[in-house]
Amino acid sequence: MRRLFPLGAALALLSASPAAAQVTITLGGTAKACFDAAKAMKQDLDSEHLCTVAIEYQLLNQRDLAGTYANRGAIKFNRGDFDAAQQDFEMAIQTEPGLSESHINRGAALQRMGLYAEAVDEINQGLALNPEDPARAYFNRGVARQNQRDLTGAYLDFRKAAELAPNWEEPRLMADQFVVERKGAAPN
């Protein structure tokens, strides 16, 4: 049986680690500009306004409307307005429940709001829907699990995120913060 212990620096690194919101693809007009702003990780009110104009005035199918809500939520998330971002992610889920990124984004917002159990549940729903970028989902779930003191779950999620996105350094750094000990193993 293995036990995991975070090193002292893990909490400092964790508090500095931004959760990552995902972007949902939406094509055409103002909705496309909203998508581009979210993809570029913009956080300004003008970018948010583009999304609002698309939601209110552009003729969008159900999936694109959900994606535009998710993209506006990502812009709010990037600005640190997690409550408002969570509301947009919820609107995206209500509009199109099968959009995995909306669940994962909502989970990331809940995690940043300190609602770790809810975040894990929401991210699990998103992972069950086969997201395009599961590494971010595993990373965000790992942060939530670490805050719940589920060290084994956190470690495994950070390792999975690092495996899925080998060029993304943060999950590997988070996994490296743990010391793995095997019970009953002979000391060196």
C-alpha atoms as a PDB file:
ATOM      1  CA  MET A   1       0.000   0.000   0.000  1.00  0.00           C
ATOM      2  CA  ARG A   2       1.323   3.428  -0.943  1.00  0.00           C
ATOM      3  CA  ARG A   3       0.887   6.604   1.069  1.00  0.00           C
ATOM      4  CA  LEU A   4       1.396  10.031  -0.403  1.00  0.00           C
ATOM      5  CA  PHE A   5       2.712  13.054   1.408  1.00  0.00           C
ATOM      6  CA  PRO A   6       2.925  16.529  -0.117  1.00  0.00           C
ATOM      7  CA  LEU A   7       6.137  18.398   0.458  1.00  0.00           C
ATOM      8  CA  GLY A   8       5.889  21.710   2.299  1.00  0.00           C
ATOM      9  CA  ALA A   9       6.172  23.742  -0.891  1.00  0.00           C
ATOM     10  CA  ALA A  10       3.103  22.070  -2.386  1.00  0.00           C
ATOM     11  CA  LEU A  11       0.612  24.361  -0.699  1.00  0.00           C
ATOM     12  CA  ALA A  12       2.518  27.460  -1.733  1.00  0.00           C
ATOM     13  CA  LEU A  13       2.673  26.223  -5.315  1.00  0.00           C
ATOM     14  CA  LEU A  14      -0.985  25.221  -5.200  1.00  0.00           C
ATOM     15  CA  SER A  15      -2.124  28.644  -4.124  1.00  0.00           C
ATOM     16  CA  ALA A  16      -0.192  30.152  -7.022  1.00  0.00           C
ATOM     17  CA  SER A  17      -1.505  27.612  -9.529  1.00  0.00           C
ATOM     18  CA  PRO A  18      -4.282  28.943 -11.684  1.00  0.00           C
ATOM     19  CA  ALA A  19      -7.026  26.524 -12.533  1.00  0.00           C
ATOM     20  CA  ALA A  20      -7.479  26.326 -16.241  1.00  0.00           C
ATOM     21  CA  ALA A  21     -10.720  27.027 -18.045  1.00  0.00           C
ATOM     22  CA  GLN A  22     -11.244  25.419 -21.410  1.00  0.00           C
ATOM     23  CA  VAL A  23     -12.563  27.073 -24.517  1.00  0.00           C
ATOM     24  CA  THR A  24     -15.461  25.797 -26.612  1.00  0.00           C
ATOM     25  CA  ILE A  25     -15.462  26.230 -30.374  1.00  0.00           C
ATOM     26  CA  THR A  26     -18.134  28.466 -31.871  1.00  0.00           C
ATOM     27  CA  LEU A  27     -17.995  29.629 -35.484  1.00  0.00           C
ATOM     28  CA  GLY A  28     -19.270  32.764 -37.181  1.00  0.00           C
ATOM     29  CA  GLY A  29     -19.556  36.526 -36.582  1.00  0.00           C
ATOM     30  CA  THR A  30     -19.460  37.920 -33.086  1.00  0.00           C
ATOM     31  CA  ALA A  31     -19.545  34.412 -31.620  1.00  0.00           C
ATOM     32  CA  LYS A  32     -16.290  33.679 -33.468  1.00  0.00           C
ATOM     33  CA  ALA A  33     -14.736  36.853 -32.042  1.00  0.00           C
ATOM     34  CA  CYS A  34     -15.891  35.731 -28.577  1.00  0.00           C
ATOM     35  CA  PHE A  35     -14.270  32.323 -29.144  1.00  0.00           C
ATOM     36  CA  ASP A  36     -11.027  33.958 -30.308  1.00  0.00           C
ATOM     37  CA  ALA A  37     -10.970  36.179 -27.209  1.00  0.00           C
ATOM     38  CA  ALA A  38     -11.517  33.217 -24.885  1.00  0.00           C
ATOM     39  CA  LYS A  39      -8.887  31.148 -26.697  1.00  0.00           C
ATOM     40  CA  ALA A  40      -6.421  34.026 -26.330  1.00  0.00           C
ATOM     41  CA  MET A  41      -7.212  33.983 -22.582  1.00  0.00           C
ATOM     42  CA  LYS A  42      -8.484  37.550 -22.676  1.00  0.00           C
ATOM     43  CA  GLN A  43     -10.191  38.922 -19.606  1.00  0.00           C
ATOM     44  CA  ASP A  44     -11.272  42.421 -20.595  1.00  0.00           C
ATOM     45  CA  LEU A  45     -14.818  43.741 -20.572  1.00  0.00           C
ATOM     46  CA  ASP A  46     -14.780  44.448 -24.328  1.00  0.00           C
ATOM     47  CA  SER A  47     -14.158  40.747 -25.025  1.00  0.00           C
ATOM     48  CA  GLU A  48     -16.912  39.798 -22.609  1.00  0.00           C
ATOM     49  CA  HIS A  49     -19.214  42.259 -24.383  1.00  0.00           C
ATOM     50  CA  LEU A  50     -18.570  40.532 -27.734  1.00  0.00           C
ATOM     51  CA  CYS A  51     -19.870  37.324 -26.202  1.00  0.00           C
ATOM     52  CA  THR A  52     -22.912  39.045 -24.733  1.00  0.00           C
ATOM     53  CA  VAL A  53     -23.757  40.559 -28.130  1.00  0.00           C
ATOM     54  CA  ALA A  54     -23.455  37.120 -29.751  1.00  0.00           C
ATOM     55  CA  ILE A  55     -25.682  35.541 -27.079  1.00  0.00           C
ATOM     56  CA  GLU A  56     -28.331  38.246 -27.299  1.00  0.00           C
ATOM     57  CA  TYR A  57     -28.359  39.092 -31.017  1.00  0.00           C
ATOM     58  CA  GLN A  58     -26.680  36.437 -33.121  1.00  0.00           C
ATOM     59  CA  LEU A  59     -28.741  33.550 -34.443  1.00  0.00           C
ATOM     60  CA  LEU A  60     -26.935  30.565 -32.914  1.00  0.00           C
ATOM     61  CA  ASN A  61     -27.883  26.922 -32.810  1.00  0.00           C
ATOM     62  CA  GLN A  62     -28.141  25.305 -29.376  1.00  0.00           C
ATOM     63  CA  ARG A  63     -24.569  23.992 -29.341  1.00  0.00           C
ATOM     64  CA  ASP A  64     -23.065  27.310 -30.478  1.00  0.00           C
ATOM     65  CA  LEU A  65     -25.133  29.232 -27.937  1.00  0.00           C
ATOM     66  CA  ALA A  66     -23.861  26.923 -25.192  1.00  0.00           C
ATOM     67  CA  GLY A  67     -20.323  27.358 -26.488  1.00  0.00           C
ATOM     68  CA  THR A  68     -20.674  31.138 -26.448  1.00  0.00           C
ATOM     69  CA  TYR A  69     -21.875  31.051 -22.840  1.00  0.00           C
ATOM     70  CA  ALA A  70     -18.873  28.852 -22.018  1.00  0.00           C
ATOM     71  CA  ASN A  71     -16.500  31.218 -23.822  1.00  0.00           C
ATOM     72  CA  ARG A  72     -17.916  34.242 -22.005  1.00  0.00           C
ATOM     73  CA  GLY A  73     -17.518  32.291 -18.765  1.00  0.00           C
ATOM     74  CA  ALA A  74     -13.878  31.584 -19.665  1.00  0.00           C
ATOM     75  CA  ILE A  75     -13.246  35.321 -20.135  1.00  0.00           C
ATOM     76  CA  LYS A  76     -14.816  36.048 -16.734  1.00  0.00           C
ATOM     77  CA  PHE A  77     -12.818  33.169 -15.221  1.00  0.00           C
ATOM     78  CA  ASN A  78      -9.583  34.625 -16.617  1.00  0.00           C
ATOM     79  CA  ARG A  79     -10.460  37.910 -14.911  1.00  0.00           C
ATOM     80  CA  GLY A  80     -10.962  36.102 -11.598  1.00  0.00           C
ATOM     81  CA  ASP A  81     -14.741  36.616 -11.491  1.00  0.00           C
ATOM     82  CA  PHE A  82     -15.442  32.985 -10.601  1.00  0.00           C
ATOM     83  CA  ASP A  83     -19.032  33.481  -9.426  1.00  0.00           C
ATOM     84  CA  ALA A  84     -20.044  35.108 -12.714  1.00  0.00           C
ATOM     85  CA  ALA A  85     -18.044  32.550 -14.708  1.00  0.00           C
ATOM     86  CA  GLN A  86     -19.773  29.703 -12.885  1.00  0.00           C
ATOM     87  CA  GLN A  87     -23.152  31.217 -13.812  1.00  0.00           C
ATOM     88  CA  ASP A  88     -22.219  31.294 -17.500  1.00  0.00           C
ATOM     89  CA  PHE A  89     -20.958  27.724 -17.352  1.00  0.00           C
ATOM     90  CA  GLU A  90     -24.263  26.740 -15.739  1.00  0.00           C
ATOM     91  CA  MET A  91     -26.159  28.454 -18.593  1.00  0.00           C
ATOM     92  CA  ALA A  92     -24.008  26.547 -21.082  1.00  0.00           C
ATOM     93  CA  ILE A  93     -24.850  23.258 -19.328  1.00  0.00           C
ATOM     94  CA  GLN A  94     -28.567  24.074 -19.258  1.00  0.00           C
ATOM     95  CA  THR A  95     -28.448  24.935 -22.965  1.00  0.00           C
ATOM     96  CA  GLU A  96     -26.410  21.871 -24.029  1.00  0.00           C
ATOM     97  CA  PRO A  97     -25.884  19.321 -21.212  1.00  0.00           C
ATOM     98  CA  GLY A  98     -23.576  17.141 -23.306  1.00  0.00           C
ATOM     99  CA  LEU A  99     -20.871  19.759 -23.788  1.00  0.00           C
ATOM    100  CA  SER A 100     -18.023  18.343 -21.700  1.00  0.00           C
ATOM    101  CA  GLU A 101     -15.991  21.555 -21.542  1.00  0.00           C
ATOM    102  CA  SER A 102     -18.851  23.399 -19.840  1.00  0.00           C
ATOM    103  CA  HIS A 103     -18.890  20.860 -17.003  1.00  0.00           C
ATOM    104  CA  ILE A 104     -15.119  20.988 -16.682  1.00  0.00           C
ATOM    105  CA  ASN A 105     -15.095  24.794 -16.724  1.00  0.00           C
ATOM    106  CA  ARG A 106     -17.834  24.912 -14.114  1.00  0.00           C
ATOM    107  CA  GLY A 107     -15.796  22.494 -12.002  1.00  0.00           C
ATOM    108  CA  ALA A 108     -12.740  24.735 -12.344  1.00  0.00           C
ATOM    109  CA  ALA A 109     -14.776  27.743 -11.199  1.00  0.00           C
ATOM    110  CA  LEU A 110     -16.207  25.788  -8.250  1.00  0.00           C
ATOM    111  CA  GLN A 111     -12.686  24.688  -7.334  1.00  0.00           C
ATOM    112  CA  ARG A 112     -11.485  28.306  -7.321  1.00  0.00           C
ATOM    113  CA  MET A 113     -14.503  29.217  -5.154  1.00  0.00           C
ATOM    114  CA  GLY A 114     -13.390  26.621  -2.579  1.00  0.00           C
ATOM    115  CA  LEU A 115     -16.247  24.192  -3.327  1.00  0.00           C
ATOM    116  CA  TYR A 116     -13.976  21.207  -3.820  1.00  0.00           C
ATOM    117  CA  ALA A 117     -16.441  18.301  -3.582  1.00  0.00           C
ATOM    118  CA  GLU A 118     -18.783  20.006  -6.049  1.00  0.00           C
ATOM    119  CA  ALA A 119     -15.825  20.726  -8.327  1.00  0.00           C
ATOM    120  CA  VAL A 120     -14.772  17.066  -8.356  1.00  0.00           C
ATOM    121  CA  ASP A 121     -18.332  15.965  -9.158  1.00  0.00           C
ATOM    122  CA  GLU A 122     -18.673  18.472 -12.001  1.00  0.00           C
ATOM    123  CA  ILE A 123     -15.280  17.617 -13.491  1.00  0.00           C
ATOM    124  CA  ASN A 124     -16.157  13.910 -13.291  1.00  0.00           C
ATOM    125  CA  GLN A 125     -19.269  14.644 -15.358  1.00  0.00           C
ATOM    126  CA  GLY A 126     -17.155  16.480 -17.914  1.00  0.00           C
ATOM    127  CA  LEU A 127     -14.611  13.667 -18.112  1.00  0.00           C
ATOM    128  CA  ALA A 128     -17.426  11.155 -18.684  1.00  0.00           C
ATOM    129  CA  LEU A 129     -18.380  13.148 -21.790  1.00  0.00           C
ATOM    130  CA  ASN A 130     -14.919  12.666 -23.400  1.00  0.00           C
ATOM    131  CA  PRO A 131     -13.495  16.210 -23.550  1.00  0.00           C
ATOM    132  CA  GLU A 132     -11.099  17.293 -26.266  1.00  0.00           C
ATOM    133  CA  ASP A 133      -8.517  18.398 -23.664  1.00  0.00           C
ATOM    134  CA  PRO A 134      -8.785  16.022 -20.700  1.00  0.00           C
ATOM    135  CA  ALA A 135      -5.401  17.077 -19.272  1.00  0.00           C
ATOM    136  CA  ARG A 136      -6.863  20.330 -17.924  1.00  0.00           C
ATOM    137  CA  ALA A 137      -9.762  18.432 -16.389  1.00  0.00           C
ATOM    138  CA  TYR A 138      -7.406  16.051 -14.586  1.00  0.00           C
ATOM    139  CA  PHE A 139      -5.255  18.953 -13.431  1.00  0.00           C
ATOM    140  CA  ASN A 140      -8.219  20.906 -12.032  1.00  0.00           C
ATOM    141  CA  ARG A 141      -9.625  17.797 -10.371  1.00  0.00           C
ATOM    142  CA  GLY A 142      -6.189  17.176  -8.855  1.00  0.00           C
ATOM    143  CA  VAL A 143      -6.159  20.670  -7.335  1.00  0.00           C
ATOM    144  CA  ALA A 144      -9.640  20.117  -5.889  1.00  0.00           C
ATOM    145  CA  ARG A 145      -8.685  16.697  -4.534  1.00  0.00           C
ATOM    146  CA  GLN A 146      -5.522  18.045  -2.927  1.00  0.00           C
ATOM    147  CA  ASN A 147      -7.609  20.677  -1.177  1.00  0.00           C
ATOM    148  CA  GLN A 148      -9.903  17.884   0.040  1.00  0.00           C
ATOM    149  CA  ARG A 149      -6.822  16.092   1.411  1.00  0.00           C
ATOM    150  CA  ASP A 150      -7.332  13.234  -1.083  1.00  0.00           C
ATOM    151  CA  LEU A 151      -3.599  13.048  -1.683  1.00  0.00           C
ATOM    152  CA  THR A 152      -3.640   9.789  -3.630  1.00  0.00           C
ATOM    153  CA  GLY A 153      -6.368  11.066  -5.959  1.00  0.00           C
ATOM    154  CA  ALA A 154      -4.577  14.399  -6.418  1.00  0.00           C
ATOM    155  CA  TYR A 155      -1.265  12.719  -7.189  1.00  0.00           C
ATOM    156  CA  LEU A 156      -2.841  10.357  -9.717  1.00  0.00           C
ATOM    157  CA  ASP A 157      -4.701  13.225 -11.415  1.00  0.00           C
ATOM    158  CA  PHE A 158      -1.553  15.348 -11.713  1.00  0.00           C
ATOM    159  CA  ARG A 159       0.327  12.365 -13.153  1.00  0.00           C
ATOM    160  CA  LYS A 160      -2.467  11.697 -15.660  1.00  0.00           C
ATOM    161  CA  ALA A 161      -2.518  15.372 -16.718  1.00  0.00           C
ATOM    162  CA  ALA A 162       1.263  15.295 -17.174  1.00  0.00           C
ATOM    163  CA  GLU A 163       1.000  12.106 -19.218  1.00  0.00           C
ATOM    164  CA  LEU A 164      -1.719  13.565 -21.476  1.00  0.00           C
ATOM    165  CA  ALA A 165       0.073  16.904 -21.951  1.00  0.00           C
ATOM    166  CA  PRO A 166       3.805  16.184 -21.696  1.00  0.00           C
ATOM    167  CA  ASN A 167       4.750  19.734 -22.778  1.00  0.00           C
ATOM    168  CA  TRP A 168       2.652  21.326 -20.018  1.00  0.00           C
ATOM    169  CA  GLU A 169       5.014  21.676 -17.081  1.00  0.00           C
ATOM    170  CA  GLU A 170       2.596  22.538 -14.258  1.00  0.00           C
ATOM    171  CA  PRO A 171       0.998  19.079 -13.814  1.00  0.00           C
ATOM    172  CA  ARG A 172       4.436  17.474 -13.623  1.00  0.00           C
ATOM    173  CA  LEU A 173       5.567  20.046 -11.064  1.00  0.00           C
ATOM    174  CA  MET A 174       2.460  19.384  -8.984  1.00  0.00           C
ATOM    175  CA  ALA A 175       2.981  15.589  -9.139  1.00  0.00           C
ATOM    176  CA  ASP A 176       6.629  16.070  -8.185  1.00  0.00           C
ATOM    177  CA  GLN A 177       5.520  17.766  -4.940  1.00  0.00           C
ATOM    178  CA  PHE A 178       4.501  14.371  -3.547  1.00  0.00           C
ATOM    179  CA  VAL A 179       6.669  11.787  -1.865  1.00  0.00           C
ATOM    180  CA  VAL A 180       5.486   8.234  -2.510  1.00  0.00           C
ATOM    181  CA  GLU A 181       6.271   5.692   0.203  1.00  0.00           C
ATOM    182  CA  ARG A 182       5.501   2.012   0.018  1.00  0.00           C
ATOM    183  CA  LYS A 183       4.362   0.513   3.283  1.00  0.00           C
ATOM    184  CA  GLY A 184       6.488  -2.390   4.352  1.00  0.00           C
ATOM    185  CA  ALA A 185       9.236  -1.570   1.871  1.00  0.00           C
ATOM    186  CA  ALA A 186      12.753  -2.152   3.119  1.00  0.00           C
ATOM    187  CA  PRO A 187      14.653   1.097   3.793  1.00  0.00           C
ATOM    188  CA  ASN A 188      17.679   1.802   1.614  1.00  0.00           C
END
